[in-house]
Amino acid sequence: MAVSMIDTSRIEAMVAQLKAAAARAQGNVAPIESIAGAEKPATRVDFAAVLKNSLDEVNSSQEKAGKMSQSFSMGDDNINLSDVMIAMQKASISFQTSVQVRNKLVSAYRDIMTMQV
């Protein structure tokens, strides 16, 4: 199962921006234009592509767990019960995570739709 890595460069850029804003608020640093010129622009990430990739990973983990379970129940000696149980738990956790993300997205959408402009 391929695990996608977190892009730490974007997190580091956000932390740098927060530190710069805090320093500006204290009056210790020049305006943001001089700081922004030193940083490279962040690459754009397509939210739909990231969401689809995550759902594909959840699907593949569920398929893998199902195939392992079926092979074990048919008497395949190469598959251990512990491996089957671990794969099933990973699939369950990834599915539960995706459901919670969906719930948060729906909640955020409802909040935005009910905002007064």
PDB file of N, CA and C in Angstrom:
ATOM      1  N   MET A   1       0.846  -1.171   0.000  1.00  0.00           N
ATOM      2  CA  MET A   1       0.000   0.000   0.000  1.00  0.00           C
ATOM      3  C   MET A   1       0.890   1.233   0.000  1.00  0.00           C
ATOM      4  N   ALA A   2       0.702   2.101  -0.960  1.00  0.00           N
ATOM      5  CA  ALA A   2       1.506   3.302  -1.071  1.00  0.00           C
ATOM      6  C   ALA A   2       0.973   4.367  -0.122  1.00  0.00           C
ATOM      7  N   VAL A   3       1.873   4.929   0.645  1.00  0.00           N
ATOM      8  CA  VAL A   3       1.500   5.968   1.595  1.00  0.00           C
ATOM      9  C   VAL A   3       1.973   7.291   1.023  1.00  0.00           C
ATOM     10  N   SER A   4       1.055   8.235   0.879  1.00  0.00           N
ATOM     11  CA  SER A   4       1.437   9.531   0.331  1.00  0.00           C
ATOM     12  C   SER A   4       2.117  10.346   1.423  1.00  0.00           C
ATOM     13  N   MET A   5       3.162  11.032   1.025  1.00  0.00           N
ATOM     14  CA  MET A   5       3.940  11.836   1.957  1.00  0.00           C
ATOM     15  C   MET A   5       3.337  13.234   2.052  1.00  0.00           C
ATOM     16  N   ILE A   6       3.494  13.846   3.191  1.00  0.00           N
ATOM     17  CA  ILE A   6       2.997  15.190   3.419  1.00  0.00           C
ATOM     18  C   ILE A   6       4.022  16.172   2.868  1.00  0.00           C
ATOM     19  N   ASP A   7       3.553  17.183   2.152  1.00  0.00           N
ATOM     20  CA  ASP A   7       4.425  18.196   1.580  1.00  0.00           C
ATOM     21  C   ASP A   7       4.795  19.185   2.678  1.00  0.00           C
ATOM     22  N   THR A   8       5.967  19.000   3.285  1.00  0.00           N
ATOM     23  CA  THR A   8       6.380  19.828   4.414  1.00  0.00           C
ATOM     24  C   THR A   8       6.802  21.221   3.986  1.00  0.00           C
ATOM     25  N   SER A   9       7.113  21.421   2.713  1.00  0.00           N
ATOM     26  CA  SER A   9       7.542  22.743   2.284  1.00  0.00           C
ATOM     27  C   SER A   9       6.415  23.767   2.446  1.00  0.00           C
ATOM     28  N   ARG A  10       5.185  23.350   2.201  1.00  0.00           N
ATOM     29  CA  ARG A  10       4.051  24.269   2.366  1.00  0.00           C
ATOM     30  C   ARG A  10       3.819  24.581   3.832  1.00  0.00           C
ATOM     31  N   ILE A  11       4.004  23.585   4.690  1.00  0.00           N
ATOM     32  CA  ILE A  11       3.829  23.802   6.123  1.00  0.00           C
ATOM     33  C   ILE A  11       4.908  24.753   6.631  1.00  0.00           C
ATOM     34  N   GLU A  12       6.152  24.528   6.187  1.00  0.00           N
ATOM     35  CA  GLU A  12       7.247  25.396   6.600  1.00  0.00           C
ATOM     36  C   GLU A  12       7.032  26.825   6.104  1.00  0.00           C
ATOM     37  N   ALA A  13       6.504  26.976   4.892  1.00  0.00           N
ATOM     38  CA  ALA A  13       6.231  28.312   4.369  1.00  0.00           C
ATOM     39  C   ALA A  13       5.165  29.011   5.207  1.00  0.00           C
ATOM     40  N   MET A  14       4.136  28.274   5.620  1.00  0.00           N
ATOM     41  CA  MET A  14       3.078  28.849   6.450  1.00  0.00           C
ATOM     42  C   MET A  14       3.622  29.254   7.816  1.00  0.00           C
ATOM     43  N   VAL A  15       4.482  28.418   8.398  1.00  0.00           N
ATOM     44  CA  VAL A  15       5.078  28.748   9.692  1.00  0.00           C
ATOM     45  C   VAL A  15       5.942  30.002   9.559  1.00  0.00           C
ATOM     46  N   ALA A  16       6.696  30.099   8.471  1.00  0.00           N
ATOM     47  CA  ALA A  16       7.532  31.285   8.249  1.00  0.00           C
ATOM     48  C   ALA A  16       6.673  32.531   8.116  1.00  0.00           C
ATOM     49  N   GLN A  17       5.541  32.420   7.424  1.00  0.00           N
ATOM     50  CA  GLN A  17       4.647  33.561   7.282  1.00  0.00           C
ATOM     51  C   GLN A  17       4.057  33.965   8.623  1.00  0.00           C
ATOM     52  N   LEU A  18       3.691  32.986   9.438  1.00  0.00           N
ATOM     53  CA  LEU A  18       3.145  33.302  10.756  1.00  0.00           C
ATOM     54  C   LEU A  18       4.187  33.982  11.639  1.00  0.00           C
ATOM     55  N   LYS A  19       5.426  33.475  11.588  1.00  0.00           N
ATOM     56  CA  LYS A  19       6.492  34.099  12.376  1.00  0.00           C
ATOM     57  C   LYS A  19       6.762  35.519  11.895  1.00  0.00           C
ATOM     58  N   ALA A  20       6.746  35.725  10.580  1.00  0.00           N
ATOM     59  CA  ALA A  20       6.973  37.061  10.038  1.00  0.00           C
ATOM     60  C   ALA A  20       5.858  38.008  10.454  1.00  0.00           C
ATOM     61  N   ALA A  21       4.614  37.519  10.435  1.00  0.00           N
ATOM     62  CA  ALA A  21       3.486  38.356  10.837  1.00  0.00           C
ATOM     63  C   ALA A  21       3.587  38.717  12.314  1.00  0.00           C
ATOM     64  N   ALA A  22       4.003  37.760  13.138  1.00  0.00           N
ATOM     65  CA  ALA A  22       4.153  38.035  14.567  1.00  0.00           C
ATOM     66  C   ALA A  22       5.273  39.045  14.807  1.00  0.00           C
ATOM     67  N   ALA A  23       6.362  38.915  14.056  1.00  0.00           N
ATOM     68  CA  ALA A  23       7.475  39.863  14.210  1.00  0.00           C
ATOM     69  C   ALA A  23       7.070  41.253  13.746  1.00  0.00           C
ATOM     70  N   ARG A  24       6.291  41.345  12.649  1.00  0.00           N
ATOM     71  CA  ARG A  24       5.810  42.634  12.170  1.00  0.00           C
ATOM     72  C   ARG A  24       4.892  43.282  13.187  1.00  0.00           C
ATOM     73  N   ALA A  25       4.062  42.457  13.848  1.00  0.00           N
ATOM     74  CA  ALA A  25       3.140  42.995  14.844  1.00  0.00           C
ATOM     75  C   ALA A  25       3.890  43.594  16.025  1.00  0.00           C
ATOM     76  N   GLN A  26       5.062  43.043  16.308  1.00  0.00           N
ATOM     77  CA  GLN A  26       5.876  43.572  17.401  1.00  0.00           C
ATOM     78  C   GLN A  26       6.741  44.738  16.950  1.00  0.00           C
ATOM     79  N   GLY A  27       6.786  44.982  15.624  1.00  0.00           N
ATOM     80  CA  GLY A  27       7.549  46.105  15.107  1.00  0.00           C
ATOM     81  C   GLY A  27       9.018  45.805  14.887  1.00  0.00           C
ATOM     82  N   ASN A  28       9.396  44.529  14.844  1.00  0.00           N
ATOM     83  CA  ASN A  28      10.802  44.166  14.705  1.00  0.00           C
ATOM     84  C   ASN A  28      11.246  43.933  13.267  1.00  0.00           C
ATOM     85  N   VAL A  29      10.324  43.875  12.315  1.00  0.00           N
ATOM     86  CA  VAL A  29      10.676  43.465  10.960  1.00  0.00           C
ATOM     87  C   VAL A  29      10.086  44.443   9.957  1.00  0.00           C
ATOM     88  N   ALA A  30      10.746  44.515   8.795  1.00  0.00           N
ATOM     89  CA  ALA A  30      10.258  45.347   7.691  1.00  0.00           C
ATOM     90  C   ALA A  30       8.975  44.753   7.131  1.00  0.00           C
ATOM     91  N   PRO A  31       8.274  45.470   6.259  1.00  0.00           N
ATOM     92  CA  PRO A  31       7.027  44.964   5.676  1.00  0.00           C
ATOM     93  C   PRO A  31       7.217  43.632   4.951  1.00  0.00           C
ATOM     94  N   ILE A  32       6.109  42.979   4.681  1.00  0.00           N
ATOM     95  CA  ILE A  32       6.122  41.627   4.122  1.00  0.00           C
ATOM     96  C   ILE A  32       6.692  41.570   2.708  1.00  0.00           C
ATOM     97  N   GLU A  33       6.689  42.663   1.966  1.00  0.00           N
ATOM     98  CA  GLU A  33       7.188  42.623   0.596  1.00  0.00           C
ATOM     99  C   GLU A  33       8.643  42.187   0.554  1.00  0.00           C
ATOM    100  N   SER A  34       9.456  42.635   1.510  1.00  0.00           N
ATOM    101  CA  SER A  34      10.862  42.253   1.509  1.00  0.00           C
ATOM    102  C   SER A  34      11.034  40.789   1.885  1.00  0.00           C
ATOM    103  N   ILE A  35      10.166  40.274   2.715  1.00  0.00           N
ATOM    104  CA  ILE A  35      10.240  38.865   3.111  1.00  0.00           C
ATOM    105  C   ILE A  35       9.707  37.974   2.003  1.00  0.00           C
ATOM    106  N   ALA A  36       8.625  38.375   1.384  1.00  0.00           N
ATOM    107  CA  ALA A  36       8.007  37.560   0.346  1.00  0.00           C
ATOM    108  C   ALA A  36       8.903  37.411  -0.868  1.00  0.00           C
ATOM    109  N   GLY A  37       9.729  38.387  -1.156  1.00  0.00           N
ATOM    110  CA  GLY A  37      10.622  38.298  -2.296  1.00  0.00           C
ATOM    111  C   GLY A  37      11.664  37.212  -2.122  1.00  0.00           C
ATOM    112  N   ALA A  38      12.018  36.876  -0.890  1.00  0.00           N
ATOM    113  CA  ALA A  38      13.042  35.874  -0.629  1.00  0.00           C
ATOM    114  C   ALA A  38      12.497  34.457  -0.736  1.00  0.00           C
ATOM    115  N   GLU A  39      11.202  34.283  -0.591  1.00  0.00           N
ATOM    116  CA  GLU A  39      10.615  32.945  -0.625  1.00  0.00           C
ATOM    117  C   GLU A  39      10.214  32.570  -2.036  1.00  0.00           C
ATOM    118  N   LYS A  40      10.296  31.280  -2.331  1.00  0.00           N
ATOM    119  CA  LYS A  40       9.816  30.812  -3.630  1.00  0.00           C
ATOM    120  C   LYS A  40       8.309  30.586  -3.554  1.00  0.00           C
ATOM    121  N   PRO A  41       7.588  30.783  -4.629  1.00  0.00           N
ATOM    122  CA  PRO A  41       6.138  30.597  -4.594  1.00  0.00           C
ATOM    123  C   PRO A  41       5.778  29.122  -4.401  1.00  0.00           C
ATOM    124  N   ALA A  42       4.744  28.870  -3.646  1.00  0.00           N
ATOM    125  CA  ALA A  42       4.292  27.505  -3.380  1.00  0.00           C
ATOM    126  C   ALA A  42       3.595  26.942  -4.618  1.00  0.00           C
ATOM    127  N   THR A  43       3.760  25.657  -4.831  1.00  0.00           N
ATOM    128  CA  THR A  43       3.090  25.020  -5.957  1.00  0.00           C
ATOM    129  C   THR A  43       1.620  24.847  -5.634  1.00  0.00           C
ATOM    130  N   ARG A  44       0.790  24.950  -6.655  1.00  0.00           N
ATOM    131  CA  ARG A  44      -0.648  24.819  -6.462  1.00  0.00           C
ATOM    132  C   ARG A  44      -1.026  23.346  -6.433  1.00  0.00           C
ATOM    133  N   VAL A  45      -1.946  23.011  -5.544  1.00  0.00           N
ATOM    134  CA  VAL A  45      -2.420  21.646  -5.413  1.00  0.00           C
ATOM    135  C   VAL A  45      -3.904  21.620  -5.764  1.00  0.00           C
ATOM    136  N   ASP A  46      -4.285  20.700  -6.628  1.00  0.00           N
ATOM    137  CA  ASP A  46      -5.678  20.561  -7.026  1.00  0.00           C
ATOM    138  C   ASP A  46      -6.409  19.747  -5.963  1.00  0.00           C
ATOM    139  N   PHE A  47      -7.370  20.382  -5.296  1.00  0.00           N
ATOM    140  CA  PHE A  47      -8.088  19.720  -4.209  1.00  0.00           C
ATOM    141  C   PHE A  47      -8.825  18.484  -4.695  1.00  0.00           C
ATOM    142  N   ALA A  48      -9.449  18.574  -5.856  1.00  0.00           N
ATOM    143  CA  ALA A  48     -10.200  17.431  -6.385  1.00  0.00           C
ATOM    144  C   ALA A  48      -9.279  16.250  -6.646  1.00  0.00           C
ATOM    145  N   ALA A  49      -8.086  16.514  -7.160  1.00  0.00           N
ATOM    146  CA  ALA A  49      -7.138  15.424  -7.424  1.00  0.00           C
ATOM    147  C   ALA A  49      -6.657  14.781  -6.131  1.00  0.00           C
ATOM    148  N   VAL A  50      -6.400  15.595  -5.116  1.00  0.00           N
ATOM    149  CA  VAL A  50      -5.958  15.056  -3.827  1.00  0.00           C
ATOM    150  C   VAL A  50      -7.069  14.226  -3.193  1.00  0.00           C
ATOM    151  N   LEU A  51      -8.300  14.720  -3.264  1.00  0.00           N
ATOM    152  CA  LEU A  51      -9.427  13.991  -2.703  1.00  0.00           C
ATOM    153  C   LEU A  51      -9.648  12.670  -3.430  1.00  0.00           C
ATOM    154  N   LYS A  52      -9.570  12.688  -4.760  1.00  0.00           N
ATOM    155  CA  LYS A  52      -9.741  11.470  -5.539  1.00  0.00           C
ATOM    156  C   LYS A  52      -8.631  10.469  -5.239  1.00  0.00           C
ATOM    157  N   ASN A  53      -7.395  10.953  -5.105  1.00  0.00           N
ATOM    158  CA  ASN A  53      -6.281  10.074  -4.782  1.00  0.00           C
ATOM    159  C   ASN A  53      -6.485   9.422  -3.412  1.00  0.00           C
ATOM    160  N   SER A  54      -6.954  10.196  -2.451  1.00  0.00           N
ATOM    161  CA  SER A  54      -7.205   9.651  -1.108  1.00  0.00           C
ATOM    162  C   SER A  54      -8.302   8.592  -1.135  1.00  0.00           C
ATOM    163  N   LEU A  55      -9.370   8.862  -1.871  1.00  0.00           N
ATOM    164  CA  LEU A  55     -10.450   7.879  -1.968  1.00  0.00           C
ATOM    165  C   LEU A  55     -10.000   6.622  -2.700  1.00  0.00           C
ATOM    166  N   ASP A  56      -9.139   6.777  -3.696  1.00  0.00           N
ATOM    167  CA  ASP A  56      -8.591   5.612  -4.399  1.00  0.00           C
ATOM    168  C   ASP A  56      -7.732   4.762  -3.466  1.00  0.00           C
ATOM    169  N   GLU A  57      -6.964   5.410  -2.593  1.00  0.00           N
ATOM    170  CA  GLU A  57      -6.152   4.676  -1.622  1.00  0.00           C
ATOM    171  C   GLU A  57      -7.027   3.913  -0.631  1.00  0.00           C
ATOM    172  N   VAL A  58      -8.121   4.537  -0.180  1.00  0.00           N
ATOM    173  CA  VAL A  58      -9.056   3.851   0.724  1.00  0.00           C
ATOM    174  C   VAL A  58      -9.653   2.642   0.019  1.00  0.00           C
ATOM    175  N   ASN A  59     -10.054   2.820  -1.226  1.00  0.00           N
ATOM    176  CA  ASN A  59     -10.637   1.732  -1.992  1.00  0.00           C
ATOM    177  C   ASN A  59      -9.639   0.592  -2.173  1.00  0.00           C
ATOM    178  N   SER A  60      -8.399   0.927  -2.500  1.00  0.00           N
ATOM    179  CA  SER A  60      -7.410  -0.127  -2.720  1.00  0.00           C
ATOM    180  C   SER A  60      -7.103  -0.879  -1.427  1.00  0.00           C
ATOM    181  N   SER A  61      -7.083  -0.178  -0.294  1.00  0.00           N
ATOM    182  CA  SER A  61      -6.839  -0.870   0.973  1.00  0.00           C
ATOM    183  C   SER A  61      -8.004  -1.795   1.329  1.00  0.00           C
ATOM    184  N   GLN A  62      -9.234  -1.384   1.004  1.00  0.00           N
ATOM    185  CA  GLN A  62     -10.379  -2.254   1.253  1.00  0.00           C
ATOM    186  C   GLN A  62     -10.362  -3.466   0.334  1.00  0.00           C
ATOM    187  N   GLU A  63      -9.988  -3.260  -0.933  1.00  0.00           N
ATOM    188  CA  GLU A  63      -9.898  -4.384  -1.859  1.00  0.00           C
ATOM    189  C   GLU A  63      -8.813  -5.356  -1.433  1.00  0.00           C
ATOM    190  N   LYS A  64      -7.662  -4.840  -1.000  1.00  0.00           N
ATOM    191  CA  LYS A  64      -6.563  -5.689  -0.553  1.00  0.00           C
ATOM    192  C   LYS A  64      -6.989  -6.515   0.658  1.00  0.00           C
ATOM    193  N   ALA A  65      -7.651  -5.885   1.610  1.00  0.00           N
ATOM    194  CA  ALA A  65      -8.109  -6.597   2.803  1.00  0.00           C
ATOM    195  C   ALA A  65      -9.128  -7.672   2.428  1.00  0.00           C
ATOM    196  N   GLY A  66     -10.024  -7.357   1.498  1.00  0.00           N
ATOM    197  CA  GLY A  66     -11.016  -8.340   1.061  1.00  0.00           C
ATOM    198  C   GLY A  66     -10.380  -9.536   0.370  1.00  0.00           C
ATOM    199  N   LYS A  67      -9.402  -9.276  -0.483  1.00  0.00           N
ATOM    200  CA  LYS A  67      -8.715 -10.362  -1.175  1.00  0.00           C
ATOM    201  C   LYS A  67      -7.924 -11.232  -0.200  1.00  0.00           C
ATOM    202  N   MET A  68      -7.267 -10.577   0.762  1.00  0.00           N
ATOM    203  CA  MET A  68      -6.510 -11.342   1.765  1.00  0.00           C
ATOM    204  C   MET A  68      -7.439 -12.196   2.608  1.00  0.00           C
ATOM    205  N   SER A  69      -8.570 -11.636   2.999  1.00  0.00           N
ATOM    206  CA  SER A  69      -9.544 -12.376   3.794  1.00  0.00           C
ATOM    207  C   SER A  69     -10.084 -13.573   3.022  1.00  0.00           C
ATOM    208  N   GLN A  70     -10.383 -13.361   1.763  1.00  0.00           N
ATOM    209  CA  GLN A  70     -10.908 -14.440   0.932  1.00  0.00           C
ATOM    210  C   GLN A  70      -9.854 -15.524   0.735  1.00  0.00           C
ATOM    211  N   SER A  71      -8.622 -15.139   0.486  1.00  0.00           N
ATOM    212  CA  SER A  71      -7.551 -16.117   0.311  1.00  0.00           C
ATOM    213  C   SER A  71      -7.319 -16.918   1.588  1.00  0.00           C
ATOM    214  N   PHE A  72      -7.349 -16.240   2.732  1.00  0.00           N
ATOM    215  CA  PHE A  72      -7.157 -16.941   3.997  1.00  0.00           C
ATOM    216  C   PHE A  72      -8.285 -17.925   4.262  1.00  0.00           C
ATOM    217  N   SER A  73      -9.514 -17.506   3.983  1.00  0.00           N
ATOM    218  CA  SER A  73     -10.656 -18.395   4.243  1.00  0.00           C
ATOM    219  C   SER A  73     -10.678 -19.585   3.286  1.00  0.00           C
ATOM    220  N   MET A  74     -10.019 -19.449   2.119  1.00  0.00           N
ATOM    221  CA  MET A  74      -9.946 -20.564   1.179  1.00  0.00           C
ATOM    222  C   MET A  74      -8.773 -21.494   1.486  1.00  0.00           C
ATOM    223  N   GLY A  75      -7.989 -21.178   2.521  1.00  0.00           N
ATOM    224  CA  GLY A  75      -6.938 -22.074   2.970  1.00  0.00           C
ATOM    225  C   GLY A  75      -5.563 -21.783   2.409  1.00  0.00           C
ATOM    226  N   ASP A  76      -5.305 -20.569   1.943  1.00  0.00           N
ATOM    227  CA  ASP A  76      -3.975 -20.219   1.429  1.00  0.00           C
ATOM    228  C   ASP A  76      -2.982 -20.206   2.589  1.00  0.00           C
ATOM    229  N   ASP A  77      -1.906 -21.020   2.466  1.00  0.00           N
ATOM    230  CA  ASP A  77      -0.918 -21.123   3.544  1.00  0.00           C
ATOM    231  C   ASP A  77       0.034 -19.930   3.601  1.00  0.00           C
ATOM    232  N   ASN A  78       0.077 -19.120   2.569  1.00  0.00           N
ATOM    233  CA  ASN A  78       0.992 -17.979   2.528  1.00  0.00           C
ATOM    234  C   ASN A  78       0.475 -16.763   3.280  1.00  0.00           C
ATOM    235  N   ILE A  79      -0.754 -16.803   3.737  1.00  0.00           N
ATOM    236  CA  ILE A  79      -1.360 -15.651   4.413  1.00  0.00           C
ATOM    237  C   ILE A  79      -1.665 -16.018   5.852  1.00  0.00           C
ATOM    238  N   ASN A  80      -1.178 -15.184   6.769  1.00  0.00           N
ATOM    239  CA  ASN A  80      -1.413 -15.389   8.199  1.00  0.00           C
ATOM    240  C   ASN A  80      -2.680 -14.664   8.628  1.00  0.00           C
ATOM    241  N   LEU A  81      -3.293 -15.162   9.680  1.00  0.00           N
ATOM    242  CA  LEU A  81      -4.478 -14.511  10.229  1.00  0.00           C
ATOM    243  C   LEU A  81      -4.153 -13.101  10.716  1.00  0.00           C
ATOM    244  N   SER A  82      -2.974 -12.943  11.314  1.00  0.00           N
ATOM    245  CA  SER A  82      -2.596 -11.609  11.812  1.00  0.00           C
ATOM    246  C   SER A  82      -2.470 -10.609  10.665  1.00  0.00           C
ATOM    247  N   ASP A  83      -1.938 -11.044   9.516  1.00  0.00           N
ATOM    248  CA  ASP A  83      -1.834 -10.148   8.358  1.00  0.00           C
ATOM    249  C   ASP A  83      -3.213  -9.742   7.853  1.00  0.00           C
ATOM    250  N   VAL A  84      -4.135 -10.693   7.855  1.00  0.00           N
ATOM    251  CA  VAL A  84      -5.499 -10.404   7.411  1.00  0.00           C
ATOM    252  C   VAL A  84      -6.158  -9.406   8.355  1.00  0.00           C
ATOM    253  N   MET A  85      -6.009  -9.624   9.647  1.00  0.00           N
ATOM    254  CA  MET A  85      -6.629  -8.740  10.627  1.00  0.00           C
ATOM    255  C   MET A  85      -6.029  -7.330  10.565  1.00  0.00           C
ATOM    256  N   ILE A  86      -4.714  -7.248  10.374  1.00  0.00           N
ATOM    257  CA  ILE A  86      -4.073  -5.933  10.271  1.00  0.00           C
ATOM    258  C   ILE A  86      -4.559  -5.202   9.030  1.00  0.00           C
ATOM    259  N   ALA A  87      -4.634  -5.909   7.899  1.00  0.00           N
ATOM    260  CA  ALA A  87      -5.115  -5.282   6.661  1.00  0.00           C
ATOM    261  C   ALA A  87      -6.560  -4.824   6.812  1.00  0.00           C
ATOM    262  N   MET A  88      -7.385  -5.619   7.491  1.00  0.00           N
ATOM    263  CA  MET A  88      -8.780  -5.229   7.687  1.00  0.00           C
ATOM    264  C   MET A  88      -8.893  -4.011   8.602  1.00  0.00           C
ATOM    265  N   GLN A  89      -8.057  -3.943   9.631  1.00  0.00           N
ATOM    266  CA  GLN A  89      -8.084  -2.784  10.525  1.00  0.00           C
ATOM    267  C   GLN A  89      -7.608  -1.522   9.815  1.00  0.00           C
ATOM    268  N   LYS A  90      -6.567  -1.660   8.980  1.00  0.00           N
ATOM    269  CA  LYS A  90      -6.086  -0.504   8.210  1.00  0.00           C
ATOM    270  C   LYS A  90      -7.189  -0.001   7.280  1.00  0.00           C
ATOM    271  N   ALA A  91      -7.872  -0.921   6.619  1.00  0.00           N
ATOM    272  CA  ALA A  91      -8.952  -0.530   5.716  1.00  0.00           C
ATOM    273  C   ALA A  91     -10.081   0.142   6.492  1.00  0.00           C
ATOM    274  N   SER A  92     -10.399  -0.389   7.656  1.00  0.00           N
ATOM    275  CA  SER A  92     -11.464   0.189   8.468  1.00  0.00           C
ATOM    276  C   SER A  92     -11.102   1.597   8.947  1.00  0.00           C
ATOM    277  N   ILE A  93      -9.885   1.763   9.399  1.00  0.00           N
ATOM    278  CA  ILE A  93      -9.447   3.076   9.884  1.00  0.00           C
ATOM    279  C   ILE A  93      -9.416   4.085   8.750  1.00  0.00           C
ATOM    280  N   SER A  94      -8.919   3.681   7.583  1.00  0.00           N
ATOM    281  CA  SER A  94      -8.879   4.622   6.459  1.00  0.00           C
ATOM    282  C   SER A  94     -10.286   5.003   6.007  1.00  0.00           C
ATOM    283  N   PHE A  95     -11.214   4.053   6.054  1.00  0.00           N
ATOM    284  CA  PHE A  95     -12.590   4.365   5.691  1.00  0.00           C
ATOM    285  C   PHE A  95     -13.225   5.310   6.708  1.00  0.00           C
ATOM    286  N   GLN A  96     -13.018   5.032   7.985  1.00  0.00           N
ATOM    287  CA  GLN A  96     -13.564   5.912   9.024  1.00  0.00           C
ATOM    288  C   GLN A  96     -12.991   7.316   8.917  1.00  0.00           C
ATOM    289  N   THR A  97     -11.706   7.415   8.584  1.00  0.00           N
ATOM    290  CA  THR A  97     -11.084   8.724   8.400  1.00  0.00           C
ATOM    291  C   THR A  97     -11.717   9.468   7.242  1.00  0.00           C
ATOM    292  N   SER A  98     -11.942   8.759   6.140  1.00  0.00           N
ATOM    293  CA  SER A  98     -12.556   9.426   4.981  1.00  0.00           C
ATOM    294  C   SER A  98     -13.986   9.870   5.289  1.00  0.00           C
ATOM    295  N   VAL A  99     -14.704   9.106   6.081  1.00  0.00           N
ATOM    296  CA  VAL A  99     -16.065   9.496   6.471  1.00  0.00           C
ATOM    297  C   VAL A  99     -16.018  10.757   7.341  1.00  0.00           C
ATOM    298  N   GLN A 100     -15.054  10.824   8.260  1.00  0.00           N
ATOM    299  CA  GLN A 100     -14.939  12.010   9.111  1.00  0.00           C
ATOM    300  C   GLN A 100     -14.543  13.244   8.298  1.00  0.00           C
ATOM    301  N   VAL A 101     -13.663  13.056   7.314  1.00  0.00           N
ATOM    302  CA  VAL A 101     -13.297  14.172   6.438  1.00  0.00           C
ATOM    303  C   VAL A 101     -14.521  14.644   5.661  1.00  0.00           C
ATOM    304  N   ARG A 102     -15.300  13.689   5.158  1.00  0.00           N
ATOM    305  CA  ARG A 102     -16.520  14.054   4.444  1.00  0.00           C
ATOM    306  C   ARG A 102     -17.462  14.843   5.342  1.00  0.00           C
ATOM    307  N   ASN A 103     -17.623  14.386   6.578  1.00  0.00           N
ATOM    308  CA  ASN A 103     -18.507  15.084   7.513  1.00  0.00           C
ATOM    309  C   ASN A 103     -18.032  16.512   7.771  1.00  0.00           C
ATOM    310  N   LYS A 104     -16.718  16.701   7.911  1.00  0.00           N
ATOM    311  CA  LYS A 104     -16.174  18.044   8.127  1.00  0.00           C
ATOM    312  C   LYS A 104     -16.377  18.916   6.899  1.00  0.00           C
ATOM    313  N   LEU A 105     -16.210  18.347   5.706  1.00  0.00           N
ATOM    314  CA  LEU A 105     -16.420  19.114   4.485  1.00  0.00           C
ATOM    315  C   LEU A 105     -17.882  19.540   4.347  1.00  0.00           C
ATOM    316  N   VAL A 106     -18.798  18.640   4.651  1.00  0.00           N
ATOM    317  CA  VAL A 106     -20.219  18.970   4.565  1.00  0.00           C
ATOM    318  C   VAL A 106     -20.563  20.043   5.599  1.00  0.00           C
ATOM    319  N   SER A 107     -20.011  19.923   6.791  1.00  0.00           N
ATOM    320  CA  SER A 107     -20.260  20.916   7.829  1.00  0.00           C
ATOM    321  C   SER A 107     -19.713  22.284   7.421  1.00  0.00           C
ATOM    322  N   ALA A 108     -18.515  22.308   6.856  1.00  0.00           N
ATOM    323  CA  ALA A 108     -17.936  23.576   6.407  1.00  0.00           C
ATOM    324  C   ALA A 108     -18.758  24.171   5.268  1.00  0.00           C
ATOM    325  N   TYR A 109     -19.225  23.339   4.362  1.00  0.00           N
ATOM    326  CA  TYR A 109     -20.061  23.810   3.257  1.00  0.00           C
ATOM    327  C   TYR A 109     -21.351  24.430   3.780  1.00  0.00           C
ATOM    328  N   ARG A 110     -21.980  23.765   4.749  1.00  0.00           N
ATOM    329  CA  ARG A 110     -23.210  24.311   5.330  1.00  0.00           C
ATOM    330  C   ARG A 110     -22.951  25.624   6.044  1.00  0.00           C
ATOM    331  N   ASP A 111     -21.830  25.713   6.746  1.00  0.00           N
ATOM    332  CA  ASP A 111     -21.486  26.970   7.420  1.00  0.00           C
ATOM    333  C   ASP A 111     -21.298  28.099   6.419  1.00  0.00           C
ATOM    334  N   ILE A 112     -20.615  27.797   5.330  1.00  0.00           N
ATOM    335  CA  ILE A 112     -20.390  28.831   4.316  1.00  0.00           C
ATOM    336  C   ILE A 112     -21.697  29.238   3.662  1.00  0.00           C
ATOM    337  N   MET A 113     -22.559  28.281   3.386  1.00  0.00           N
ATOM    338  CA  MET A 113     -23.822  28.594   2.721  1.00  0.00           C
ATOM    339  C   MET A 113     -24.764  29.409   3.607  1.00  0.00           C
ATOM    340  N   THR A 114     -24.631  29.306   4.913  1.00  0.00           N
ATOM    341  CA  THR A 114     -25.520  30.052   5.807  1.00  0.00           C
ATOM    342  C   THR A 114     -24.934  31.381   6.253  1.00  0.00           C
ATOM    343  N   MET A 115     -23.740  31.723   5.755  1.00  0.00           N
ATOM    344  CA  MET A 115     -23.122  33.004   6.131  1.00  0.00           C
ATOM    345  C   MET A 115     -23.897  34.169   5.525  1.00  0.00           C
ATOM    346  N   GLN A 116     -23.991  35.223   6.307  1.00  0.00           N
ATOM    347  CA  GLN A 116     -24.591  36.464   5.827  1.00  0.00           C
ATOM    348  C   GLN A 116     -23.504  37.272   5.133  1.00  0.00           C
ATOM    349  N   VAL A 117     -23.806  37.752   3.944  1.00  0.00           N
ATOM    350  CA  VAL A 117     -22.816  38.545   3.191  1.00  0.00           C
ATOM    351  C   VAL A 117     -23.120  40.004   3.295  1.00  0.00           C
TER     352      VAL A 117
END
